[in-house]
PDB file of N, CA and C in Angstrom:
ATOM      1  N   MET A   1    -113.460 364.742  58.613  1.00  0.00           N
ATOM      2  CA  MET A   1    -114.760 364.152  58.788  1.00  0.00           C
ATOM      3  C   MET A   1    -115.441 364.845  59.936  1.00  0.00           C
ATOM      4  N   THR A   2    -116.693 365.257  59.688  1.00  0.00           N
ATOM      5  CA  THR A   2    -117.412 365.831  60.821  1.00  0.00           C
ATOM      6  C   THR A   2    -118.034 364.749  61.748  1.00  0.00           C
ATOM      7  N   THR A   3    -118.482 365.208  62.931  1.00  0.00           N
ATOM      8  CA  THR A   3    -119.086 364.209  63.795  1.00  0.00           C
ATOM      9  C   THR A   3    -120.345 363.603  63.184  1.00  0.00           C
ATOM     10  N   LYS A   4    -121.081 364.510  62.534  1.00  0.00           N
ATOM     11  CA  LYS A   4    -122.341 364.010  61.974  1.00  0.00           C
ATOM     12  C   LYS A   4    -122.081 362.934  60.827  1.00  0.00           C
ATOM     13  N   GLN A   5    -121.072 363.148  60.154  1.00  0.00           N
ATOM     14  CA  GLN A   5    -120.652 362.175  59.052  1.00  0.00           C
ATOM     15  C   GLN A   5    -120.161 360.867  59.652  1.00  0.00           C
ATOM     16  N   ALA A   6    -119.398 360.981  60.780  1.00  0.00           N
ATOM     17  CA  ALA A   6    -119.027 359.770  61.554  1.00  0.00           C
ATOM     18  C   ALA A   6    -120.127 358.969  62.130  1.00  0.00           C
ATOM     19  N   ILE A   7    -121.154 359.724  62.510  1.00  0.00           N
ATOM     20  CA  ILE A   7    -122.337 359.016  63.070  1.00  0.00           C
ATOM     21  C   ILE A   7    -123.041 358.214  61.880  1.00  0.00           C
ATOM     22  N   PHE A   8    -123.161 358.923  60.795  1.00  0.00           N
ATOM     23  CA  PHE A   8    -123.841 358.334  59.599  1.00  0.00           C
ATOM     24  C   PHE A   8    -123.023 357.064  59.183  1.00  0.00           C
ATOM     25  N   ASP A   9    -121.728 357.166  59.147  1.00  0.00           N
ATOM     26  CA  ASP A   9    -120.913 356.073  58.713  1.00  0.00           C
ATOM     27  C   ASP A   9    -121.118 354.956  59.692  1.00  0.00           C
ATOM     28  N   ALA A  10    -121.130 355.161  61.010  1.00  0.00           N
ATOM     29  CA  ALA A  10    -121.239 354.129  61.980  1.00  0.00           C
ATOM     30  C   ALA A  10    -122.580 353.507  61.887  1.00  0.00           C
ATOM     31  N   ILE A  11    -123.629 354.273  61.643  1.00  0.00           N
ATOM     32  CA  ILE A  11    -125.048 353.793  61.413  1.00  0.00           C
ATOM     33  C   ILE A  11    -125.089 352.804  60.232  1.00  0.00           C
ATOM     34  N   GLU A  12    -124.382 353.179  59.156  1.00  0.00           N
ATOM     35  CA  GLU A  12    -124.361 352.361  58.024  1.00  0.00           C
ATOM     36  C   GLU A  12    -123.817 350.905  58.282  1.00  0.00           C
ATOM     37  N   GLN A  13    -122.998 350.812  59.252  1.00  0.00           N
ATOM     38  CA  GLN A  13    -122.410 349.534  59.603  1.00  0.00           C
ATOM     39  C   GLN A  13    -123.289 348.686  60.525  1.00  0.00           C
ATOM     40  N   LEU A  14    -124.322 349.306  61.078  1.00  0.00           N
ATOM     41  CA  LEU A  14    -125.185 348.459  62.078  1.00  0.00           C
ATOM     42  C   LEU A  14    -126.209 347.590  61.298  1.00  0.00           C
ATOM     43  N   PRO A  15    -126.497 346.466  61.938  1.00  0.00           N
ATOM     44  CA  PRO A  15    -127.495 345.609  61.416  1.00  0.00           C
ATOM     45  C   PRO A  15    -128.882 346.272  61.632  1.00  0.00           C
ATOM     46  N   GLU A  16    -129.883 345.927  60.815  1.00  0.00           N
ATOM     47  CA  GLU A  16    -131.233 346.620  60.870  1.00  0.00           C
ATOM     48  C   GLU A  16    -131.822 346.522  62.255  1.00  0.00           C
ATOM     49  N   GLN A  17    -131.659 345.426  62.955  1.00  0.00           N
ATOM     50  CA  GLN A  17    -132.204 345.231  64.310  1.00  0.00           C
ATOM     51  C   GLN A  17    -131.731 346.307  65.327  1.00  0.00           C
ATOM     52  N   HIS A  18    -130.584 346.808  65.110  1.00  0.00           N
ATOM     53  CA  HIS A  18    -130.078 347.913  66.009  1.00  0.00           C
ATOM     54  C   HIS A  18    -130.490 349.293  65.610  1.00  0.00           C
ATOM     55  N   LEU A  19    -130.998 349.492  64.467  1.00  0.00           N
ATOM     56  CA  LEU A  19    -131.282 350.850  63.972  1.00  0.00           C
ATOM     57  C   LEU A  19    -132.498 351.390  64.732  1.00  0.00           C
ATOM     58  N   LYS A  20    -133.427 350.510  65.170  1.00  0.00           N
ATOM     59  CA  LYS A  20    -134.567 351.114  66.007  1.00  0.00           C
ATOM     60  C   LYS A  20    -134.081 351.535  67.310  1.00  0.00           C
ATOM     61  N   ASP A  21    -133.134 350.888  67.942  1.00  0.00           N
ATOM     62  CA  ASP A  21    -132.548 351.349  69.128  1.00  0.00           C
ATOM     63  C   ASP A  21    -131.837 352.696  69.092  1.00  0.00           C
ATOM     64  N   VAL A  22    -131.138 352.859  67.874  1.00  0.00           N
ATOM     65  CA  VAL A  22    -130.517 354.152  67.631  1.00  0.00           C
ATOM     66  C   VAL A  22    -131.509 355.249  67.497  1.00  0.00           C
ATOM     67  N   LEU A  23    -132.594 354.994  66.724  1.00  0.00           N
ATOM     68  CA  LEU A  23    -133.566 355.978  66.472  1.00  0.00           C
ATOM     69  C   LEU A  23    -134.280 356.377  67.788  1.00  0.00           C
ATOM     70  N   GLN A  24    -134.547 355.315  68.675  1.00  0.00           N
ATOM     71  CA  GLN A  24    -135.258 355.694  69.904  1.00  0.00           C
ATOM     72  C   GLN A  24    -134.349 356.424  70.803  1.00  0.00           C
ATOM     73  N   TYR A  25    -133.022 356.239  70.804  1.00  0.00           N
ATOM     74  CA  TYR A  25    -132.090 356.981  71.622  1.00  0.00           C
ATOM     75  C   TYR A  25    -132.031 358.440  71.113  1.00  0.00           C
ATOM     76  N   VAL A  26    -131.918 358.665  69.772  1.00  0.00           N
ATOM     77  CA  VAL A  26    -131.814 359.946  69.224  1.00  0.00           C
ATOM     78  C   VAL A  26    -133.171 360.774  69.475  1.00  0.00           C
ATOM     79  N   GLN A  27    -134.272 360.087  69.446  1.00  0.00           N
ATOM     80  CA  GLN A  27    -135.519 360.793  69.612  1.00  0.00           C
ATOM     81  C   GLN A  27    -135.621 361.232  71.071  1.00  0.00           C
ATOM     82  N   LYS A  28    -135.213 360.385  72.044  1.00  0.00           N
ATOM     83  CA  LYS A  28    -135.198 360.588  73.453  1.00  0.00           C
ATOM     84  C   LYS A  28    -134.252 361.757  73.764  1.00  0.00           C
ATOM     85  N   LEU A  29    -133.074 361.739  73.131  1.00  0.00           N
ATOM     86  CA  LEU A  29    -132.097 362.881  73.352  1.00  0.00           C
ATOM     87  C   LEU A  29    -132.677 364.174  72.867  1.00  0.00           C
ATOM     88  N   ALA A  30    -133.277 364.110  71.709  1.00  0.00           N
ATOM     89  CA  ALA A  30    -133.936 365.382  71.086  1.00  0.00           C
ATOM     90  C   ALA A  30    -135.075 365.835  72.088  1.00  0.00           C
ATOM     91  N   HIS A  31    -135.815 364.914  72.609  1.00  0.00           N
ATOM     92  CA  HIS A  31    -136.918 365.373  73.474  1.00  0.00           C
ATOM     93  C   HIS A  31    -136.408 366.013  74.776  1.00  0.00           C
ATOM     94  N   THR A  32    -135.352 365.445  75.343  1.00  0.00           N
ATOM     95  CA  THR A  32    -134.752 365.993  76.601  1.00  0.00           C
ATOM     96  C   THR A  32    -134.230 367.324  76.322  1.00  0.00           C
ATOM     97  N   LEU A  33    -133.624 367.609  75.209  1.00  0.00           N
ATOM     98  CA  LEU A  33    -133.074 368.902  74.824  1.00  0.00           C
ATOM     99  C   LEU A  33    -134.134 370.008  74.778  1.00  0.00           C
ATOM    100  N   LYS A  34    -135.348 369.619  74.307  1.00  0.00           N
ATOM    101  CA  LYS A  34    -136.438 370.483  74.101  1.00  0.00           C
ATOM    102  C   LYS A  34    -137.154 370.770  75.460  1.00  0.00           C
ATOM    103  N   SER A  35    -137.043 369.846  76.425  1.00  0.00           N
ATOM    104  CA  SER A  35    -137.704 369.943  77.692  1.00  0.00           C
ATOM    105  C   SER A  35    -137.060 371.093  78.615  1.00  0.00           C
ATOM    106  N   PRO A  36    -137.940 371.882  79.190  1.00  0.00           N
ATOM    107  CA  PRO A  36    -137.416 372.939  80.019  1.00  0.00           C
ATOM    108  C   PRO A  36    -136.617 372.524  81.174  1.00  0.00           C
ATOM    109  N   ILE A  37    -136.873 371.368  81.716  1.00  0.00           N
ATOM    110  CA  ILE A  37    -136.031 370.798  82.944  1.00  0.00           C
ATOM    111  C   ILE A  37    -135.342 369.618  82.308  1.00  0.00           C
ATOM    112  N   SER A  38    -134.194 369.802  81.797  1.00  0.00           N
ATOM    113  CA  SER A  38    -133.316 368.675  81.296  1.00  0.00           C
ATOM    114  C   SER A  38    -132.315 368.245  82.368  1.00  0.00           C
ATOM    115  N   ASN A  39    -131.985 367.004  82.189  1.00  0.00           N
ATOM    116  CA  ASN A  39    -131.063 366.329  83.150  1.00  0.00           C
ATOM    117  C   ASN A  39    -131.473 366.390  84.664  1.00  0.00           C
ATOM    118  N   SER A  40    -132.675 366.401  84.909  1.00  0.00           N
ATOM    119  CA  SER A  40    -133.164 366.257  86.301  1.00  0.00           C
ATOM    120  C   SER A  40    -134.115 365.078  86.420  1.00  0.00           C
ATOM    121  N   SER A  41    -134.288 364.673  87.663  1.00  0.00           N
ATOM    122  CA  SER A  41    -135.170 363.541  87.940  1.00  0.00           C
ATOM    123  C   SER A  41    -136.622 363.890  87.681  1.00  0.00           C
ATOM    124  N   THR A  42    -137.275 363.039  86.866  1.00  0.00           N
ATOM    125  CA  THR A  42    -138.689 363.311  86.503  1.00  0.00           C
ATOM    126  C   THR A  42    -139.499 362.139  86.975  1.00  0.00           C
ATOM    127  N   GLU A  43    -140.771 362.286  86.887  1.00  0.00           N
ATOM    128  CA  GLU A  43    -141.674 361.165  87.254  1.00  0.00           C
ATOM    129  C   GLU A  43    -141.466 359.915  86.482  1.00  0.00           C
ATOM    130  N   SER A  44    -141.120 360.047  85.187  1.00  0.00           N
ATOM    131  CA  SER A  44    -140.908 358.868  84.332  1.00  0.00           C
ATOM    132  C   SER A  44    -139.615 358.244  84.760  1.00  0.00           C
ATOM    133  N   SER A  45    -138.669 358.833  85.365  1.00  0.00           N
ATOM    134  CA  SER A  45    -137.345 358.143  85.651  1.00  0.00           C
ATOM    135  C   SER A  45    -137.439 357.703  87.104  1.00  0.00           C
ATOM    136  N   ASP A  46    -138.378 358.267  87.936  1.00  0.00           N
ATOM    137  CA  ASP A  46    -138.419 357.832  89.363  1.00  0.00           C
ATOM    138  C   ASP A  46    -139.754 357.205  89.700  1.00  0.00           C
ATOM    139  N   PRO A  47    -139.776 355.867  89.768  1.00  0.00           N
ATOM    140  CA  PRO A  47    -141.107 355.261  89.997  1.00  0.00           C
ATOM    141  C   PRO A  47    -141.797 355.682  91.298  1.00  0.00           C
ATOM    142  N   LEU A  48    -141.054 356.140  92.194  1.00  0.00           N
ATOM    143  CA  LEU A  48    -141.645 356.497  93.508  1.00  0.00           C
ATOM    144  C   LEU A  48    -142.202 357.967  93.616  1.00  0.00           C
ATOM    145  N   SER A  49    -141.852 358.743  92.550  1.00  0.00           N
ATOM    146  CA  SER A  49    -142.170 360.128  92.567  1.00  0.00           C
ATOM    147  C   SER A  49    -143.638 360.437  92.674  1.00  0.00           C
ATOM    148  N   GLY A  50    -144.443 359.491  92.192  1.00  0.00           N
ATOM    149  CA  GLY A  50    -145.941 359.665  92.187  1.00  0.00           C
ATOM    150  C   GLY A  50    -146.450 359.331  93.657  1.00  0.00           C
ATOM    151  N   PHE A  51    -145.642 358.682  94.470  1.00  0.00           N
ATOM    152  CA  PHE A  51    -146.045 358.224  95.780  1.00  0.00           C
ATOM    153  C   PHE A  51    -145.789 359.283  96.854  1.00  0.00           C
ATOM    154  N   ILE A  52    -144.788 360.139  96.537  1.00  0.00           N
ATOM    155  CA  ILE A  52    -144.403 361.191  97.498  1.00  0.00           C
ATOM    156  C   ILE A  52    -145.635 362.011  97.971  1.00  0.00           C
ATOM    157  N   GLY A  53    -145.802 361.959  99.319  1.00  0.00           N
ATOM    158  CA  GLY A  53    -146.933 362.670  99.922  1.00  0.00           C
ATOM    159  C   GLY A  53    -148.177 361.921 100.046  1.00  0.00           C
ATOM    160  N   ALA A  54    -148.129 360.622  99.542  1.00  0.00           N
ATOM    161  CA  ALA A  54    -149.415 359.867  99.607  1.00  0.00           C
ATOM    162  C   ALA A  54    -149.854 359.614 101.064  1.00  0.00           C
ATOM    163  N   VAL A  55    -149.013 359.528 102.000  1.00  0.00           N
ATOM    164  CA  VAL A  55    -149.435 359.304 103.387  1.00  0.00           C
ATOM    165  C   VAL A  55    -150.253 360.454 103.889  1.00  0.00           C
ATOM    166  N   SER A  56    -149.981 361.600 103.478  1.00  0.00           N
ATOM    167  CA  SER A  56    -150.843 362.715 103.939  1.00  0.00           C
ATOM    168  C   SER A  56    -152.271 362.713 103.341  1.00  0.00           C
ATOM    169  N   HIS A  57    -152.502 361.892 102.468  1.00  0.00           N
ATOM    170  CA  HIS A  57    -153.798 361.901 101.804  1.00  0.00           C
ATOM    171  C   HIS A  57    -154.740 360.857 102.406  1.00  0.00           C
ATOM    172  N   GLY A  58    -154.292 360.035 103.423  1.00  0.00           N
ATOM    173  CA  GLY A  58    -155.162 358.999 103.946  1.00  0.00           C
ATOM    174  C   GLY A  58    -154.638 358.417 105.151  1.00  0.00           C
ATOM    175  N   SER A  59    -155.257 357.308 105.538  1.00  0.00           N
ATOM    176  CA  SER A  59    -154.900 356.663 106.791  1.00  0.00           C
ATOM    177  C   SER A  59    -154.097 355.417 106.538  1.00  0.00           C
ATOM    178  N   LEU A  60    -153.018 355.554 105.854  1.00  0.00           N
ATOM    179  CA  LEU A  60    -152.157 354.525 105.449  1.00  0.00           C
ATOM    180  C   LEU A  60    -151.704 353.588 106.563  1.00  0.00           C
ATOM    181  N   ALA A  61    -151.371 354.227 107.605  1.00  0.00           N
ATOM    182  CA  ALA A  61    -150.791 353.570 108.734  1.00  0.00           C
ATOM    183  C   ALA A  61    -151.736 353.631 110.049  1.00  0.00           C
ATOM    184  N   ALA A  62    -152.950 354.010 109.803  1.00  0.00           N
ATOM    185  CA  ALA A  62    -153.977 354.029 110.915  1.00  0.00           C
ATOM    186  C   ALA A  62    -154.035 352.693 111.485  1.00  0.00           C
ATOM    187  N   ASN A  63    -153.924 352.619 112.795  1.00  0.00           N
ATOM    188  CA  ASN A  63    -154.085 351.346 113.620  1.00  0.00           C
ATOM    189  C   ASN A  63    -153.155 350.280 113.265  1.00  0.00           C
ATOM    190  N   LEU A  64    -152.021 350.650 112.735  1.00  0.00           N
ATOM    191  CA  LEU A  64    -151.054 349.687 112.279  1.00  0.00           C
ATOM    192  C   LEU A  64    -150.426 348.927 113.381  1.00  0.00           C
ATOM    193  N   ASP A  65    -150.194 349.587 114.571  1.00  0.00           N
ATOM    194  CA  ASP A  65    -149.693 348.855 115.729  1.00  0.00           C
ATOM    195  C   ASP A  65    -150.639 347.767 116.159  1.00  0.00           C
ATOM    196  N   ASP A  66    -151.974 348.091 116.138  1.00  0.00           N
ATOM    197  CA  ASP A  66    -152.899 346.996 116.547  1.00  0.00           C
ATOM    198  C   ASP A  66    -152.904 345.854 115.657  1.00  0.00           C
ATOM    199  N   GLU A  67    -152.722 346.123 114.335  1.00  0.00           N
ATOM    200  CA  GLU A  67    -152.732 345.043 113.366  1.00  0.00           C
ATOM    201  C   GLU A  67    -151.432 344.218 113.518  1.00  0.00           C
ATOM    202  N   LEU A  68    -150.326 344.853 113.791  1.00  0.00           N
ATOM    203  CA  LEU A  68    -149.048 344.161 113.790  1.00  0.00           C
ATOM    204  C   LEU A  68    -148.785 343.437 115.159  1.00  0.00           C
ATOM    205  N   TYR A  69    -149.150 344.060 116.218  1.00  0.00           N
ATOM    206  CA  TYR A  69    -148.789 343.547 117.620  1.00  0.00           C
ATOM    207  C   TYR A  69    -149.952 342.896 118.364  1.00  0.00           C
ATOM    208  N   GLU A  70    -151.147 342.795 117.803  1.00  0.00           N
ATOM    209  CA  GLU A  70    -152.237 342.291 118.484  1.00  0.00           C
ATOM    210  C   GLU A  70    -152.123 340.794 118.602  1.00  0.00           C
ATOM    211  N   GLY A  71    -152.470 340.321 119.755  1.00  0.00           N
ATOM    212  CA  GLY A  71    -152.576 338.853 119.897  1.00  0.00           C
ATOM    213  C   GLY A  71    -151.455 338.260 120.528  1.00  0.00           C
TER     214      GLY A  71
END
């Protein structure tokens, strides 16, 4: 029995509610294989990746000491 046939046989045993999960996993796997940077951290997997460098764009901590220690 080939691996593909074993997968098909296992899928046949699953209840309908789990088939969507299997489909999503297979689609995600196929997408990662097509992606030029596979198996690396991406913005979608790292919620803070979009924040990196944000401090250099503004005055995030301007006058922070005055706000924290005043009074």
